[in-house]
Amino acid sequence: MYRSWFIHLLAALSLLSLYSCENCGPSAEPSLILSFQTNTRQKIDTLYAIGSQKPVPAQPYSTTALTTGTQLALPLNLNADSTRYVFRIDGQRDTVTVFYERRFAYRNRKCGYVLDLYQPKGKSARTTRGTIPYVSYLQNRDGAFLSSSQNTQVQLSVRL
């Protein structure tokens, strides 16, 4: 009798602890998910972020062959409402600029502030060589019970 009572109490405490956990939302900084649409296989020679002295080092971009569906995850400038990248693709230069509106919101004392990126008034993105068929802004989604959170990101597609 005491054993079953103890098991029920343990189960109740376990469920209570699961519901009391708080997910503070984003687990990474906002990023730009840049995808390319191209009819021919092309190669990124160099990728620079405007204002940086060196190529963006996160991935081996200098060896990346572009085909339709190729995606690059790039950092965004959190101190400004736009970020600009310069590519040399098969020797030709292209500048891609993405615009966004930053909004900070106080979540609570434990989690602090959360940053979301929204579509700005006016132009969302521009490129000097291609066209931009698609731009999407995804905001933070708080993690709920048995689900994960989604980080803020801008998804941008460039047709070369």
Protein backbone atom coordinates (compact mmCIF):
# COMPACT_ATOMS: atom_id res chain seq x y z
CA MET A 1 0.00 0.00 0.00
CA TYR A 2 2.77 2.42 0.91
CA ARG A 3 4.64 1.37 -2.19
CA SER A 4 1.81 2.29 -4.61
CA TRP A 5 1.27 5.59 -2.77
CA PHE A 6 4.97 6.39 -3.15
CA ILE A 7 4.90 5.54 -6.89
CA HIS A 8 1.87 7.83 -7.44
CA LEU A 9 3.56 10.65 -5.53
CA LEU A 10 6.75 10.23 -7.55
CA ALA A 11 4.79 10.27 -10.83
CA ALA A 12 2.91 13.43 -9.79
CA LEU A 13 6.12 15.22 -8.85
CA SER A 14 7.72 14.21 -12.17
CA LEU A 15 4.80 15.64 -14.16
CA LEU A 16 4.82 18.81 -12.09
CA SER A 17 8.52 19.34 -12.77
CA LEU A 18 7.97 18.93 -16.53
CA TYR A 19 5.27 21.60 -16.58
CA SER A 20 7.27 24.03 -14.47
CA CYS A 21 10.25 24.11 -16.88
CA GLU A 22 10.39 27.32 -18.86
CA ASN A 23 11.72 27.57 -22.37
CA CYS A 24 13.14 31.04 -22.91
CA GLY A 25 12.82 30.82 -26.68
CA PRO A 26 15.73 31.39 -29.04
CA SER A 27 18.91 29.39 -28.64
CA ALA A 28 20.97 31.17 -31.31
CA GLU A 29 21.40 34.58 -32.88
CA PRO A 30 19.22 35.51 -35.85
CA SER A 31 20.58 34.41 -39.21
CA LEU A 32 20.11 34.83 -42.93
CA ILE A 33 19.28 31.65 -44.82
CA LEU A 34 20.33 32.52 -48.38
CA SER A 35 19.37 30.17 -51.19
CA PHE A 36 20.25 30.39 -54.85
CA GLN A 37 18.25 29.52 -57.94
CA THR A 38 20.44 28.96 -60.96
CA ASN A 39 20.23 27.06 -64.24
CA THR A 40 23.93 26.28 -64.43
CA ARG A 41 26.46 25.07 -61.90
CA GLN A 42 28.38 28.06 -60.53
CA LYS A 43 31.06 28.42 -57.87
CA ILE A 44 31.42 31.02 -55.11
CA ASP A 45 34.97 32.40 -55.38
CA THR A 46 34.72 34.74 -52.37
CA LEU A 47 32.09 35.93 -49.91
CA TYR A 48 32.59 39.14 -47.88
CA ALA A 49 30.35 40.81 -45.36
CA ILE A 50 30.51 44.59 -45.86
CA GLY A 51 32.59 46.09 -43.07
CA SER A 52 34.63 42.94 -42.47
CA GLN A 53 38.28 42.71 -43.45
CA LYS A 54 38.23 39.02 -44.33
CA PRO A 55 35.92 36.55 -46.05
CA VAL A 56 33.16 35.10 -43.87
CA PRO A 57 34.89 32.08 -42.25
CA ALA A 58 32.02 29.91 -41.01
CA GLN A 59 31.80 27.52 -43.96
CA PRO A 60 34.06 26.63 -46.90
CA TYR A 61 32.35 29.05 -49.28
CA SER A 62 35.32 29.20 -51.64
CA THR A 63 34.64 25.62 -52.67
CA THR A 64 30.83 25.76 -52.68
CA ALA A 65 29.29 24.97 -56.04
CA LEU A 66 25.93 26.67 -56.49
CA THR A 67 23.01 24.75 -57.85
CA THR A 68 19.32 25.37 -57.36
CA GLY A 69 18.55 24.76 -53.72
CA THR A 70 22.02 25.58 -52.36
CA GLN A 71 21.58 27.29 -48.99
CA LEU A 72 24.07 29.31 -46.96
CA ALA A 73 23.52 30.21 -43.30
CA LEU A 74 25.00 33.68 -42.75
CA PRO A 75 25.16 35.94 -39.68
CA LEU A 76 23.14 39.17 -39.58
CA ASN A 77 24.33 42.53 -38.28
CA LEU A 78 22.38 43.02 -35.05
CA ASN A 79 23.59 46.63 -34.72
CA ALA A 80 21.85 47.77 -37.91
CA ASP A 81 18.62 47.27 -39.85
CA SER A 82 20.40 45.75 -42.85
CA THR A 83 23.25 43.43 -43.74
CA ARG A 84 25.18 43.43 -47.03
CA TYR A 85 27.24 40.65 -48.58
CA VAL A 86 29.50 40.75 -51.61
CA PHE A 87 29.98 37.55 -53.60
CA ARG A 88 32.33 36.74 -56.40
CA ILE A 89 30.62 33.94 -58.27
CA ASP A 90 32.58 32.53 -61.21
CA GLY A 91 34.55 35.79 -61.29
CA GLN A 92 31.48 38.08 -61.39
CA ARG A 93 30.68 40.33 -58.46
CA ASP A 94 27.21 40.46 -56.88
CA THR A 95 26.08 42.45 -53.85
CA VAL A 96 23.10 41.19 -51.84
CA THR A 97 21.51 43.41 -49.19
CA VAL A 98 18.78 42.26 -46.82
CA PHE A 99 16.72 44.75 -44.77
CA TYR A 100 14.85 44.04 -41.53
CA GLU A 101 13.29 45.77 -38.56
CA ARG A 102 14.68 44.77 -35.15
CA ARG A 103 12.31 44.57 -32.19
CA PHE A 104 13.40 43.77 -28.65
CA ALA A 105 10.80 42.53 -26.18
CA TYR A 106 11.16 41.89 -22.49
CA ARG A 107 10.11 38.30 -21.88
CA ASN A 108 10.47 37.97 -18.10
CA ARG A 109 13.05 38.22 -15.35
CA LYS A 110 14.54 34.78 -15.98
CA CYS A 111 14.76 35.00 -19.77
CA GLY A 112 15.42 38.70 -20.22
CA TYR A 113 15.02 40.27 -23.68
CA VAL A 114 14.24 38.47 -26.93
CA LEU A 115 15.07 39.86 -30.38
CA ASP A 116 12.76 39.40 -33.36
CA LEU A 117 13.27 40.51 -36.95
CA TYR A 118 10.33 41.77 -39.00
CA GLN A 119 9.78 42.82 -42.58
CA PRO A 120 10.62 46.53 -42.92
CA LYS A 121 8.51 49.20 -44.51
CA GLY A 122 9.77 49.50 -48.05
CA LYS A 123 12.17 47.17 -49.81
CA SER A 124 13.04 43.83 -48.14
CA ALA A 125 16.15 42.97 -50.16
CA ARG A 126 18.10 43.85 -53.27
CA THR A 127 20.81 42.37 -55.45
CA THR A 128 23.02 43.91 -58.14
CA ARG A 129 23.19 40.92 -60.45
CA GLY A 130 20.17 38.69 -60.00
CA THR A 131 16.55 38.99 -58.96
CA ILE A 132 14.87 38.28 -55.62
CA PRO A 133 11.78 36.08 -55.97
CA TYR A 134 11.28 35.33 -52.27
CA VAL A 135 11.91 36.91 -48.83
CA SER A 136 10.41 35.59 -45.60
CA TYR A 137 10.79 36.66 -41.95
CA LEU A 138 10.40 34.06 -39.21
CA GLN A 139 10.02 35.25 -35.63
CA ASN A 140 10.83 33.41 -32.41
CA ARG A 141 8.34 30.78 -31.41
CA ASP A 142 8.37 29.94 -27.74
CA GLY A 143 8.93 26.27 -27.07
CA ALA A 144 5.90 24.58 -25.61
CA PHE A 145 5.61 21.23 -23.90
CA LEU A 146 7.21 18.55 -26.10
CA SER A 147 8.15 21.01 -28.86
CA SER A 148 11.23 22.98 -29.69
CA SER A 149 11.63 26.70 -30.16
CA GLN A 150 12.31 28.37 -33.48
CA ASN A 151 14.97 31.03 -33.84
CA THR A 152 14.50 34.30 -35.68
CA GLN A 153 15.73 34.16 -39.25
CA VAL A 154 15.34 35.80 -42.62
CA GLN A 155 15.00 33.49 -45.62
CA LEU A 156 16.08 35.01 -48.91
CA SER A 157 16.15 33.47 -52.36
CA VAL A 158 18.28 34.93 -55.19
CA ARG A 159 17.81 33.93 -58.82
CA LEU A 160 21.05 34.27 -60.80
